[in-house]
Structures are given as structure tokens and as C-alpha cells.
């Protein structure tokens, strides 16, 4: 009877899991990616090869050296753009990228399209990976127009089975924005973020950003070299407009050239040059229980219907799998934070008891589950912080033991290293482990806002003010909001000038970031 009950709960979890009830999931492991798909195995293998080719093409085009041991990006492929929208509870998107401290990931779809003015799932993913690539490899602050224009410019890459590849094809899915939406003056395009533009002009921002990027890289005789110099000028402190005038010339003439450029025939690159990519792709089929847990994890990551996902994960834990228990703990943790935020209660702390209970079961099933150890340690530290009592080192050391164990088990895991550093910094204590932990965490996940801010604070506290400001300048230009970055820069500048002492409370107010492709 117990066995029947156990299998019934597993079946229930699989039935509730979406998208694609009770679907089999496959996992492809490559040099740069871990890709999950509930589609066909062969299709996933082909897509994995294209993803690695795209990374190789980006490195070739922008002269970025290959990495021997890169931090892999998790990618989830679902059937359609509608499935993506249901997962994240957002309209008019085909894919989304989340830069997360506990593991960045992208969600895209496998939809193909015969219409050149429609965005395919593959191009959506290439757009999202372009943001990840830029954050990880181009270490200079780029203005919003180039961040989005760059992603649109490279996303149209195509790879043929005969070895040919295409780079810089026109983004026809942006044509309507250029033709029908209000025009954006060039000085505005070069200086604002899309969130600052009202009405239809916000969508036009993406189209004109792509057009300007395409023109500067493929039409200009310098083939993008002036863009590199433009970025270096911004890096030295020049404004975007001053840097543009110096490298692109008279802005009125630039705007006139751009308006004419979008009306003419656009060039693109075609080559049969063999791309030096890592072609070792391993595809494995997940078990029914693993597929069910993965589908529910994806639902949790998307954030829609979190309470229903928690209930389905509760059923999935009947398998006794540590990962199912961990995902339940994560869901309970997220729900506790949501409930606390909704209550807007300043005097109370979130109730993490359900999350703590699930994590205890996860660690009972697998004492070496790295992220379960990290989250358990964070909950123990949160419990100590909520208690109105003096600091007792032994209690904090006991709470920190989970995080320390995680860092020992996975010494290059950015989440574990960040949590270890924060376990000291949150009490305002300095320890020899803090700086090297944050440095390695940042090297492994520079796209994480939390880690970038914490590392910048640490650099400033060690007197490296310019390096700290440089790290935050990239966030200050974030197309999806850079107010927190600019505020942090002002505080570090004040600290550098001797007018204030930098507190360690910047990082906690910084949320994680996402980018969506419509």
C-alpha cells in the first residue's frame, strides 16, 4: 500500500507539472551550456551544437579567448512562446534570461517560423545568450542602445548543415518598429534607456538600436573599431554624446545616414570557415521522476502559480529524491518572502519553518547537496538576525557551518562563495575569507547583480575605489534599470572623497535582473 501511495504521488506531480504534462525531458551537456528540453532528443543534440557554434562565432567576431573551464549557463527549451509566457506570467515574450546568484538561466522555445519578420525560438535564445556573453566577456560599461543593439545584431546568426554560417543578417522582426513607431532622435537614442521612453517609442528603441549597431559594424569601413574606441572613451569618464561625437562624427549627419541606411539593402557576412567550437555534446534522457521534478523546478523558476507549484513539489518528494526536497524548500522560501512582502510588516520576519523542514529532508537524502546546504545556512543566519540578542560568535559559526561545507564541496560555486562572504559581512565583520570568496564568485558569475555589488563594496572597503566604480558602471547603464547602480556609485565616490563611510547594506537592496525577448 505504501508503494502504491508513493507512485501515486509521483504520478500526481508529473500530471501537474507544466508545460507538457508528464513529458520526458532530455539533458544536453556541452562546454558552455547545460540544456534541458522536453522535445525530441535529436533536435536537442542539433540545437546544442548550434549553441556552441554561436558562442564560438561570438568569440571570433569580438576577439574573446576561449575558456578552459567556463561557468555553464542553464537553458530550458519549451515547445512554444505561449509556454514561455505561461511559465513567467508575462505577455508578448518568446524567451527570457535571468541573471541569478544561485545560477543564471535562460528560457526559450523550440518554435520555428517561415516568416522572416517573426522571431523564432532559436533567435530568441541567441538574443538572451548575447546578454550573458556581454556581461561575462566585455568588461566595459556599454550604454543601453549598444547592449540591446548588440543582442539583436548577433541573434540573427545562422548555421547551415554544409558548414556555412551567416552573421549580421537583417533583423526583419524589428522592421515594423522602425517603419511605423515614432522616430527616436539620435541624441536620445544614445543616452536613454527604453524604460525612460513613453508609448510606442520604447519598442522603437530596440529597432533603432539594432540598426545603428548593424551599420557601425557592417557598413562602416572600420568594421566596429570605432565602437571599441567609443566604449573606451566612456570607460574613461566621457559622456555617451561626447564619445559618440569624437568617434562617429557629427550626430546630425550620423542620424541622416542611419535613416537612409534602414531604407537600403543591408549587407551581412557569409563564410564556410570552420568554427573552432567544442563539439563534445552528451545527451541523456531523464527518468520519469527526474523529468517531473525538472518541470516543476522550471515552473518555480518562472514564478507563476507558486503555491500550486509548491503543492506539486510536495507530491514529488514522495520519491525521496534530494533535489525534489530542495526545490520544495526553495518554493517554500519564495512563498515566505512573498507573504512577508505582501504583509508589509516591518517588525516581523518571514516564516521560513516550512522551507527549513524541506531542506532538512533534502540534506537527509543527500548531505552533500551544495545548494541545499547554502540555503539552510542562509536560513539559520536569518534566524539569528531576527533574534533580539547580542552577537554570539559560536552561534554564528554553527549557522555558518552549512555554507562552509557547501564552499568546501564546490569551491568555485558562486552562490556558495557569495553566501560565505555575506555570512561575515552582514554582521559588519571582516574576515580573511571574504575578499577571495567574492573575487572568485564574481569571476564565475559577473552577471549577478548581488555578487557584483558585494564585490564592488569589498573593493571600496579595501581602498580600490576606481575598480569598484568601474564594476558598477556596467550596471548603471543597464537598459532595464540602472538607478541602484548609479546610487551606489555616488556613495562610493563620497567614500573616496572622505565625506562618508560606506556601509555594507547596498547589496541587499539590489534585486536580480532579467531580460526578455519579445
Protein backbone atom coordinates (compact mmCIF):
# COMPACT_ATOMS: atom_id res chain seq x y z
CA UNK A 1 0.00 0.00 0.00
CA UNK A 2 2.87 2.35 0.78
CA UNK A 3 4.40 1.69 -2.62
CA UNK A 4 1.10 2.42 -4.33
CA UNK A 5 0.83 5.71 -2.43
CA UNK A 6 4.38 6.66 -3.36
CA UNK A 7 3.88 6.08 -7.07
CA UNK A 8 0.53 7.82 -6.99
CA UNK A 9 2.15 10.97 -5.63
CA UNK A 10 4.89 10.83 -8.27
CA UNK A 11 2.22 10.47 -10.95
CA UNK A 12 0.31 13.41 -9.48
CA UNK A 13 3.43 15.60 -9.57
CA UNK A 14 4.05 14.65 -13.19
CA UNK A 15 0.47 15.43 -14.14
CA UNK A 16 0.54 18.88 -12.55
CA UNK A 17 3.96 19.73 -13.97
CA UNK A 18 3.83 22.13 -16.90
CA UNK A 19 4.41 22.78 -19.68
CA UNK A 20 3.74 19.38 -21.21
CA UNK A 21 2.16 17.17 -18.55
CA UNK A 22 4.22 14.02 -17.81
CA UNK A 23 6.66 14.78 -20.62
CA UNK A 24 10.08 13.18 -20.82
CA UNK A 25 12.90 15.68 -20.53
CA UNK A 26 16.35 15.38 -22.05
CA UNK A 27 19.57 16.99 -20.89
CA UNK A 28 22.44 18.05 -23.17
CA UNK A 29 25.82 18.83 -21.61
CA UNK A 30 28.25 20.92 -23.66
CA UNK A 31 31.33 23.02 -22.87
CA UNK A 32 29.35 26.22 -22.16
CA UNK A 33 25.79 25.03 -21.59
CA UNK A 34 23.51 22.61 -19.82
CA UNK A 35 20.39 22.49 -21.97
CA UNK A 36 17.09 20.86 -20.98
CA UNK A 37 14.28 20.15 -23.42
CA UNK A 38 11.01 18.23 -23.39
CA UNK A 39 11.18 17.86 -27.18
CA UNK A 40 12.94 15.31 -29.36
CA UNK A 41 16.37 14.00 -28.38
CA UNK A 42 17.88 14.51 -31.85
CA UNK A 43 16.54 18.07 -32.05
CA UNK A 44 18.17 18.88 -28.71
CA UNK A 45 21.51 17.47 -29.85
CA UNK A 46 21.43 19.58 -33.02
CA UNK A 47 20.48 22.66 -31.07
CA UNK A 48 23.30 22.08 -28.56
CA UNK A 49 25.82 22.05 -31.41
CA UNK A 50 24.38 25.31 -32.76
CA UNK A 51 24.59 26.92 -29.32
CA UNK A 52 28.29 26.06 -29.10
CA UNK A 53 28.83 27.32 -32.67
CA UNK A 54 27.13 30.58 -31.72
CA UNK A 55 29.45 31.01 -28.74
CA UNK A 56 32.45 30.31 -30.99
CA UNK A 57 31.23 32.81 -33.56
CA UNK A 58 30.82 35.50 -30.89
CA UNK A 59 34.34 34.86 -29.66
CA UNK A 60 35.69 35.01 -33.22
CA UNK A 61 33.82 38.21 -34.08
CA UNK A 62 34.73 40.07 -30.88
CA UNK A 63 38.17 38.55 -30.27
CA UNK A 64 37.34 36.86 -26.98
CA UNK A 65 39.54 33.94 -26.00
CA UNK A 66 38.01 30.51 -25.31
CA UNK A 67 37.73 29.45 -21.68
CA UNK A 68 39.10 26.16 -20.39
CA UNK A 69 36.55 25.86 -17.57
CA UNK A 70 33.60 28.24 -18.12
CA UNK A 71 30.66 28.58 -15.76
CA UNK A 72 27.87 26.87 -17.66
CA UNK A 73 24.57 28.55 -18.44
CA UNK A 74 21.39 26.54 -17.88
CA UNK A 75 18.91 26.73 -20.77
CA UNK A 76 15.34 25.43 -20.72
CA UNK A 77 13.60 24.83 -24.05
CA UNK A 78 9.82 24.52 -24.13
CA UNK A 79 7.50 23.96 -27.05
CA UNK A 80 6.30 27.47 -27.85
CA UNK A 81 6.36 31.15 -26.95
CA UNK A 82 2.96 30.63 -25.30
CA UNK A 83 4.57 28.14 -22.91
CA UNK A 84 7.26 30.67 -22.01
CA UNK A 85 4.59 33.28 -21.28
CA UNK A 86 2.66 30.88 -19.04
CA UNK A 87 5.79 29.98 -17.09
CA UNK A 88 6.73 33.56 -16.26
CA UNK A 89 3.22 35.07 -16.34
CA UNK A 90 4.15 37.70 -18.91
CA UNK A 91 2.66 38.62 -22.26
CA UNK A 92 4.30 39.13 -25.66
CA UNK A 93 7.62 37.45 -24.94
CA UNK A 94 9.28 34.47 -26.61
CA UNK A 95 12.15 33.98 -24.19
CA UNK A 96 13.73 35.38 -21.06
CA UNK A 97 17.12 35.47 -19.36
CA UNK A 98 17.59 35.66 -15.59
CA UNK A 99 20.94 36.65 -14.07
CA UNK A 100 20.82 34.89 -10.70
CA UNK A 101 23.25 34.43 -7.84
CA UNK A 102 22.14 30.82 -7.36
CA UNK A 103 22.51 30.08 -11.07
CA UNK A 104 21.72 32.16 -14.16
CA UNK A 105 19.43 30.63 -16.75
CA UNK A 106 17.50 31.29 -19.95
CA UNK A 107 14.09 30.04 -21.03
CA UNK A 108 13.32 29.86 -24.72
CA UNK A 109 11.22 27.84 -27.13
CA UNK A 110 11.68 25.42 -30.00
CA UNK A 111 9.24 27.14 -32.37
CA UNK A 112 10.37 27.60 -35.95
CA UNK A 113 8.93 30.19 -38.29
CA UNK A 114 8.73 30.52 -42.04
CA UNK A 115 8.11 34.25 -41.81
CA UNK A 116 11.23 36.40 -41.74
CA UNK A 117 9.51 39.08 -39.67
CA UNK A 118 8.68 36.67 -36.84
CA UNK A 119 11.08 35.79 -34.04
CA UNK A 120 11.99 32.09 -33.87
CA UNK A 121 12.84 30.31 -30.65
CA UNK A 122 16.47 29.95 -31.74
CA UNK A 123 16.90 33.67 -32.39
CA UNK A 124 15.25 34.40 -29.07
CA UNK A 125 17.80 32.25 -27.29
CA UNK A 126 20.71 33.77 -29.22
CA UNK A 127 19.46 37.22 -28.13
CA UNK A 128 19.35 36.14 -24.48
CA UNK A 129 22.76 34.46 -24.61
CA UNK A 130 24.22 37.60 -26.16
CA UNK A 131 23.39 39.47 -22.94
CA UNK A 132 25.01 36.72 -20.87
CA UNK A 133 28.07 36.74 -23.14
CA UNK A 134 28.40 40.52 -22.97
CA UNK A 135 28.23 40.58 -19.17
CA UNK A 136 30.79 37.80 -18.89
CA UNK A 137 33.29 38.87 -21.53
CA UNK A 138 33.06 42.56 -22.41
CA UNK A 139 34.21 44.27 -19.25
CA UNK A 140 33.47 47.90 -20.09
CA UNK A 141 30.28 49.86 -19.41
CA UNK A 142 28.10 49.95 -22.51
CA UNK A 143 25.12 52.30 -22.95
CA UNK A 144 21.64 50.85 -23.30
CA UNK A 145 21.44 51.24 -27.09
CA UNK A 146 24.54 49.08 -27.59
CA UNK A 147 23.51 46.46 -25.01
CA UNK A 148 20.23 45.84 -26.83
CA UNK A 149 21.53 46.57 -30.32
CA UNK A 150 24.36 44.09 -29.84
CA UNK A 151 21.93 41.34 -28.78
CA UNK A 152 19.70 41.95 -31.79
CA UNK A 153 22.68 42.20 -34.15
CA UNK A 154 24.19 38.82 -33.28
CA UNK A 155 20.88 36.96 -32.74
CA UNK A 156 20.25 36.55 -36.49
CA UNK A 157 23.25 34.24 -36.92
CA UNK A 158 22.53 31.08 -38.91
CA UNK A 159 24.44 27.83 -39.24
CA UNK A 160 23.90 25.51 -42.20
CA UNK A 161 24.46 21.76 -42.23
CA UNK A 162 27.05 22.12 -45.03
CA UNK A 163 29.26 24.17 -42.69
CA UNK A 164 28.31 27.62 -43.94
CA UNK A 165 27.36 30.28 -41.43
CA UNK A 166 25.82 33.74 -41.66
CA UNK A 167 26.38 36.69 -39.35
CA UNK A 168 24.60 40.04 -39.22
CA UNK A 169 21.50 39.21 -41.26
CA UNK A 170 18.82 41.92 -41.07
CA UNK A 171 16.51 41.69 -38.04
CA UNK A 172 13.28 41.82 -40.05
CA UNK A 173 11.23 41.28 -36.87
CA UNK A 174 12.24 44.86 -35.96
CA UNK A 175 11.19 46.37 -39.30
CA UNK A 176 7.72 47.45 -38.17
CA UNK A 177 9.16 49.34 -35.20
CA UNK A 178 11.49 51.26 -37.48
CA UNK A 179 8.86 51.95 -40.13
CA UNK A 180 5.78 52.74 -38.06
CA UNK A 181 6.79 53.63 -34.49
CA UNK A 182 7.81 57.20 -33.59
CA UNK A 183 11.34 58.06 -34.55
CA UNK A 184 13.88 58.48 -31.78
CA UNK A 185 16.31 61.42 -32.20
CA UNK A 186 19.90 60.19 -32.27
CA UNK A 187 20.93 62.12 -29.15
CA UNK A 188 18.08 60.46 -27.25
CA UNK A 189 18.90 57.01 -28.61
CA UNK A 190 22.49 57.36 -27.45
CA UNK A 191 21.66 58.46 -23.90
CA UNK A 192 18.42 56.92 -22.59
CA UNK A 193 17.16 53.52 -21.50
CA UNK A 194 13.98 52.05 -23.04
CA UNK A 195 12.21 52.32 -19.68
CA UNK A 196 12.59 56.10 -19.91
CA UNK A 197 10.70 56.31 -23.20
CA UNK A 198 6.93 56.53 -23.18
CA UNK A 199 4.48 54.77 -25.50
CA UNK A 200 5.50 53.13 -28.78
CA UNK A 201 8.90 54.79 -28.63
CA UNK A 202 10.05 52.15 -26.13
CA UNK A 203 9.71 49.35 -28.69
CA UNK A 204 11.22 51.55 -31.41
CA UNK A 205 14.29 51.88 -29.19
CA UNK A 206 15.17 48.23 -29.86
CA UNK A 207 14.74 48.54 -33.60
CA UNK A 208 16.85 51.67 -33.96
CA UNK A 209 19.48 50.33 -31.56
CA UNK A 210 19.84 47.27 -33.76
CA UNK A 211 20.02 49.40 -36.94
CA UNK A 212 22.75 51.65 -35.54
CA UNK A 213 24.77 48.66 -34.29
CA UNK A 214 24.41 46.90 -37.66
CA UNK A 215 25.52 50.00 -39.56
CA UNK A 216 28.56 50.63 -37.38
CA UNK A 217 29.77 47.04 -37.51
CA UNK A 218 28.99 46.05 -41.10
CA UNK A 219 28.63 49.23 -43.18
CA UNK A 220 31.44 51.28 -41.68
CA UNK A 221 34.91 50.80 -43.24
CA UNK A 222 36.26 50.42 -39.70
CA UNK A 223 34.04 47.38 -39.06
CA UNK A 224 33.23 48.29 -35.48
CA UNK A 225 36.65 49.57 -34.41
CA UNK A 226 35.16 52.99 -33.71
CA UNK A 227 32.65 51.30 -31.39
CA UNK A 228 35.58 49.90 -29.39
CA UNK A 229 37.12 53.36 -29.14
CA UNK A 230 33.73 54.84 -28.22
CA UNK A 231 33.43 52.37 -25.33
CA UNK A 232 36.96 53.11 -24.14
CA UNK A 233 36.11 56.83 -24.05
CA UNK A 234 33.04 56.11 -21.93
CA UNK A 235 35.21 53.94 -19.72
CA UNK A 236 37.49 56.93 -19.18
CA UNK A 237 34.57 59.03 -17.99
CA UNK A 238 33.32 60.78 -21.15
CA UNK A 239 29.58 61.06 -21.70
CA UNK A 240 27.95 58.94 -24.38
CA UNK A 241 27.29 62.00 -26.55
CA UNK A 242 30.85 63.34 -26.29
CA UNK A 243 32.28 59.90 -27.04
CA UNK A 244 29.92 59.49 -29.99
CA UNK A 245 30.85 62.86 -31.49
CA UNK A 246 34.53 62.02 -31.17
CA UNK A 247 34.24 58.60 -32.85
CA UNK A 248 31.11 58.72 -35.03
CA UNK A 249 31.38 62.33 -36.15
CA UNK A 250 28.61 64.92 -36.42
CA UNK A 251 25.49 63.44 -34.85
CA UNK A 252 23.08 65.10 -37.28
CA UNK A 253 24.98 63.51 -40.15
CA UNK A 254 25.02 60.17 -38.27
CA UNK A 255 21.26 60.32 -37.87
CA UNK A 256 20.75 61.18 -41.53
CA UNK A 257 22.99 58.27 -42.53
CA UNK A 258 21.08 55.90 -40.23
CA UNK A 259 17.68 56.94 -41.64
CA UNK A 260 18.92 56.22 -45.13
CA UNK A 261 20.64 53.00 -44.13
CA UNK A 262 17.45 51.28 -42.99
CA UNK A 263 15.81 52.01 -46.36
CA UNK A 264 18.54 50.41 -48.45
CA UNK A 265 19.98 46.94 -48.92
CA UNK A 266 21.89 45.68 -45.91
CA UNK A 267 24.96 43.51 -46.10
CA UNK A 268 25.80 40.54 -43.89
CA UNK A 269 28.69 38.13 -43.51
CA UNK A 270 28.74 34.65 -45.04
CA UNK A 271 31.52 32.14 -44.60
CA UNK A 272 32.36 28.45 -44.79
CA UNK A 273 35.30 28.91 -42.41
CA UNK A 274 35.25 26.08 -39.88
CA UNK A 275 34.32 27.48 -36.46
CA UNK A 276 36.64 26.21 -33.70
CA UNK A 277 33.95 25.10 -31.28
CA UNK A 278 33.87 22.34 -28.68
CA UNK A 279 31.74 19.67 -30.34
CA UNK A 280 31.51 17.21 -27.44
CA UNK A 281 27.76 17.03 -26.75
CA UNK A 282 26.36 14.45 -24.33
CA UNK A 283 22.58 13.93 -24.33
CA UNK A 284 20.89 11.91 -21.58
CA UNK A 285 17.27 11.01 -21.01
CA UNK A 286 15.91 11.89 -17.58
CA UNK A 287 13.83 9.40 -15.64
CA UNK A 288 10.13 9.99 -15.09
CA UNK A 289 10.71 11.25 -11.56
CA UNK A 290 13.62 13.47 -12.68
CA UNK A 291 11.51 14.84 -15.54
CA UNK A 292 8.67 15.64 -13.16
CA UNK A 293 10.97 17.42 -10.72
CA UNK A 294 12.69 19.35 -13.50
CA UNK A 295 9.37 20.54 -14.95
CA UNK A 296 8.32 21.73 -11.50
CA UNK A 297 11.69 23.41 -10.94
CA UNK A 298 11.14 25.29 -14.18
CA UNK A 299 7.72 26.38 -13.00
CA UNK A 300 9.23 27.56 -9.73
CA UNK A 301 11.93 29.50 -11.56
CA UNK A 302 9.30 31.11 -13.78
CA UNK A 303 7.41 32.25 -10.70
CA UNK A 304 3.83 31.78 -11.92
CA UNK A 305 1.37 29.89 -9.66
CA UNK A 306 4.00 29.39 -6.97
CA UNK A 307 1.56 27.98 -4.40
CA UNK A 308 0.30 25.37 -6.88
CA UNK A 309 3.89 24.51 -7.80
CA UNK A 310 4.69 24.09 -4.08
CA UNK A 311 1.81 21.62 -3.74
CA UNK A 312 3.00 19.63 -6.75
CA UNK A 313 6.55 19.57 -5.37
CA UNK A 314 5.20 18.27 -2.08
CA UNK A 315 3.78 15.33 -4.03
CA UNK A 316 7.05 14.87 -5.92
CA UNK A 317 9.03 14.46 -2.69
CA UNK A 318 7.38 11.04 -2.29
CA UNK A 319 10.23 9.79 -4.47
CA UNK A 320 12.62 10.67 -1.63
CA UNK A 321 14.90 12.49 -4.06
CA UNK A 322 17.08 15.20 -2.52
CA UNK A 323 16.58 17.53 -5.50
CA UNK A 324 12.78 17.34 -5.13
CA UNK A 325 13.08 18.24 -1.45
CA UNK A 326 15.45 21.09 -2.29
CA UNK A 327 13.07 22.50 -4.92
CA UNK A 328 10.26 22.30 -2.35
CA UNK A 329 12.45 24.16 0.13
CA UNK A 330 13.11 26.84 -2.46
CA UNK A 331 9.41 27.18 -3.24
CA UNK A 332 8.57 27.48 0.47
CA UNK A 333 11.32 30.07 0.85
CA UNK A 334 9.97 32.14 -2.07
CA UNK A 335 6.42 31.91 -0.72
CA UNK A 336 7.54 33.04 2.73
CA UNK A 337 9.25 36.08 1.23
CA UNK A 338 6.15 36.87 -0.85
CA UNK A 339 3.87 36.60 2.18
CA UNK A 340 6.15 38.84 4.22
CA UNK A 341 6.30 41.41 1.41
CA UNK A 342 2.51 41.36 1.00
CA UNK A 343 2.02 41.88 4.73
CA UNK A 344 4.47 44.80 4.64
CA UNK A 345 5.28 44.10 8.25
CA UNK A 346 8.43 45.87 9.36
CA UNK A 347 8.51 44.33 12.84
CA UNK A 348 8.20 40.69 11.79
CA UNK A 349 10.44 38.29 9.91
CA UNK A 350 9.39 35.82 7.21
CA UNK A 351 8.30 32.41 8.47
CA UNK A 352 10.84 30.00 6.97
CA UNK A 353 9.82 26.99 9.05
CA UNK A 354 8.35 25.08 6.08
CA UNK A 355 11.42 25.82 3.97
CA UNK A 356 13.71 24.71 6.79
CA UNK A 357 11.82 21.42 7.19
CA UNK A 358 12.08 20.64 3.46
CA UNK A 359 15.80 21.42 3.42
CA UNK A 360 16.40 19.12 6.39
CA UNK A 361 14.85 16.32 4.36
CA UNK A 362 16.97 17.26 1.33
CA UNK A 363 20.14 17.04 3.41
CA UNK A 364 18.99 13.80 4.99
CA UNK A 365 18.68 12.34 1.49
CA UNK A 366 21.97 13.87 0.31
CA UNK A 367 24.19 15.58 2.88
CA UNK A 368 26.41 16.90 0.07
CA UNK A 369 23.70 18.74 -1.88
CA UNK A 370 25.57 22.02 -2.34
CA UNK A 371 22.73 24.50 -2.75
CA UNK A 372 20.60 22.86 -0.04
CA UNK A 373 23.49 23.44 2.35
CA UNK A 374 23.81 27.06 1.24
CA UNK A 375 20.12 27.85 1.67
CA UNK A 376 19.96 26.07 5.03
CA UNK A 377 22.89 28.15 6.23
CA UNK A 378 21.24 31.34 5.00
CA UNK A 379 18.05 30.45 6.87
CA UNK A 380 20.00 29.76 10.06
CA UNK A 381 21.72 33.13 9.77
CA UNK A 382 18.38 34.84 9.07
CA UNK A 383 17.02 33.22 12.24
CA UNK A 384 19.91 34.64 14.29
CA UNK A 385 19.45 38.08 12.78
CA UNK A 386 15.77 38.09 13.69
CA UNK A 387 16.54 37.39 17.36
CA UNK A 388 16.92 40.39 19.63
CA UNK A 389 20.08 39.27 21.38
CA UNK A 390 23.79 40.15 21.42
CA UNK A 391 26.13 38.66 18.85
CA UNK A 392 27.49 35.28 19.92
CA UNK A 393 30.31 34.07 17.70
CA UNK A 394 29.76 30.39 18.44
CA UNK A 395 26.11 30.57 17.31
CA UNK A 396 27.06 32.26 14.05
CA UNK A 397 29.83 29.77 13.45
CA UNK A 398 27.34 26.94 13.96
CA UNK A 399 24.90 28.52 11.49
CA UNK A 400 27.70 29.16 9.00
CA UNK A 401 28.82 25.52 9.00
CA UNK A 402 26.32 24.63 6.26
CA UNK A 403 27.67 27.33 3.96
CA UNK A 404 31.28 26.47 4.77
CA UNK A 405 30.56 22.85 3.88
CA UNK A 406 29.00 23.89 0.56
CA UNK A 407 32.05 26.01 -0.28
CA UNK A 408 34.32 23.07 0.53
CA UNK A 409 32.25 20.71 -1.60
CA UNK A 410 32.16 23.12 -4.55
CA UNK A 411 34.98 25.68 -4.12
CA UNK A 412 34.11 27.57 -7.33
CA UNK A 413 30.34 27.74 -6.88
CA UNK A 414 29.49 31.47 -6.92
CA UNK A 415 26.36 31.05 -4.79
CA UNK A 416 28.25 29.22 -2.03
CA UNK A 417 31.14 31.69 -2.09
CA UNK A 418 28.85 34.73 -2.07
CA UNK A 419 26.85 33.33 0.86
CA UNK A 420 30.07 32.57 2.76
CA UNK A 421 31.30 36.14 2.34
CA UNK A 422 27.91 37.57 3.27
CA UNK A 423 27.78 35.47 6.43
CA UNK A 424 30.61 37.66 7.72
CA UNK A 425 29.79 40.97 6.05
CA UNK A 426 26.17 41.03 7.23
CA UNK A 427 27.45 41.41 10.79
CA UNK A 428 29.90 44.08 9.71
CA UNK A 429 32.80 41.75 10.46
CA UNK A 430 35.90 41.46 8.32
CA UNK A 431 37.46 38.07 7.73
CA UNK A 432 40.28 36.89 5.51
CA UNK A 433 37.90 34.64 3.59
CA UNK A 434 35.63 37.49 2.40
CA UNK A 435 37.72 39.15 -0.32
CA UNK A 436 38.95 36.00 -2.11
CA UNK A 437 35.47 34.45 -1.91
CA UNK A 438 33.85 37.48 -3.54
CA UNK A 439 36.60 37.71 -6.16
CA UNK A 440 36.09 34.10 -7.27
CA UNK A 441 32.31 34.41 -7.09
CA UNK A 442 32.48 37.46 -9.37
CA UNK A 443 34.82 35.74 -11.81
CA UNK A 444 32.35 32.86 -12.09
CA UNK A 445 29.14 34.93 -12.21
CA UNK A 446 29.82 38.57 -13.17
CA UNK A 447 26.25 38.81 -14.46
CA UNK A 448 24.82 38.54 -10.91
CA UNK A 449 23.92 41.96 -9.56
CA UNK A 450 24.16 40.80 -5.96
CA UNK A 451 27.66 39.45 -6.43
CA UNK A 452 28.83 42.44 -8.47
CA UNK A 453 27.58 44.88 -5.83
CA UNK A 454 29.05 42.91 -2.94
CA UNK A 455 32.42 42.66 -4.69
CA UNK A 456 32.38 46.39 -5.50
CA UNK A 457 31.67 47.19 -1.85
CA UNK A 458 34.54 44.95 -0.80
CA UNK A 459 36.89 46.66 -3.25
CA UNK A 460 35.83 50.08 -1.94
CA UNK A 461 36.33 48.97 1.66
CA UNK A 462 39.85 47.95 0.66
CA UNK A 463 40.53 51.36 -0.88
CA UNK A 464 40.15 50.28 -4.53
CA UNK A 465 37.54 52.94 -5.34
CA UNK A 466 38.09 53.25 -9.09
CA UNK A 467 37.88 49.49 -9.60
CA UNK A 468 34.64 49.44 -7.60
CA UNK A 469 33.14 52.27 -9.64
CA UNK A 470 34.19 50.50 -12.86
CA UNK A 471 32.25 47.37 -11.83
CA UNK A 472 29.13 49.35 -11.03
CA UNK A 473 29.28 51.49 -14.17
CA UNK A 474 28.16 48.47 -16.20
CA UNK A 475 25.00 48.23 -14.08
CA UNK A 476 24.42 51.99 -14.20
CA UNK A 477 23.88 51.61 -17.96
CA UNK A 478 21.54 48.62 -17.62
CA UNK A 479 18.69 49.07 -20.17
CA UNK A 480 16.26 47.56 -17.67
CA UNK A 481 17.02 49.98 -14.87
CA UNK A 482 20.32 51.26 -13.51
CA UNK A 483 19.19 53.57 -10.70
CA UNK A 484 20.63 51.34 -7.95
CA UNK A 485 23.98 51.22 -9.72
CA UNK A 486 24.18 54.98 -10.07
CA UNK A 487 23.21 55.45 -6.41
CA UNK A 488 25.91 53.01 -5.29
CA UNK A 489 28.50 54.82 -7.43
CA UNK A 490 27.60 58.13 -5.75
CA UNK A 491 28.04 56.54 -2.32
CA UNK A 492 31.42 55.07 -3.25
CA UNK A 493 32.55 58.43 -4.69
CA UNK A 494 31.54 60.07 -1.42
CA UNK A 495 33.55 57.47 0.48
CA UNK A 496 36.55 58.05 -1.81
CA UNK A 497 36.29 61.80 -1.21
CA UNK A 498 36.19 61.26 2.55
CA UNK A 499 32.66 62.56 3.12
CA UNK A 500 31.11 59.28 4.24
CA UNK A 501 31.86 55.75 5.37
CA UNK A 502 30.46 53.10 3.06
CA UNK A 503 28.01 50.80 4.77
CA UNK A 504 27.64 47.15 3.81
CA UNK A 505 23.90 47.49 3.19
CA UNK A 506 23.96 48.22 -0.55
CA UNK A 507 23.86 44.69 -1.87
CA UNK A 508 20.71 43.51 -0.06
CA UNK A 509 18.56 46.15 -1.79
CA UNK A 510 19.67 45.01 -5.21
CA UNK A 511 17.34 42.53 -6.87
CA UNK A 512 18.25 40.04 -9.55
CA UNK A 513 17.76 41.08 -13.15
CA UNK A 514 16.04 39.64 -16.17
CA UNK A 515 15.85 40.42 -19.84
CA UNK A 516 13.05 39.30 -22.11
CA UNK A 517 12.88 38.97 -25.89
CA UNK A 518 9.56 39.83 -27.43
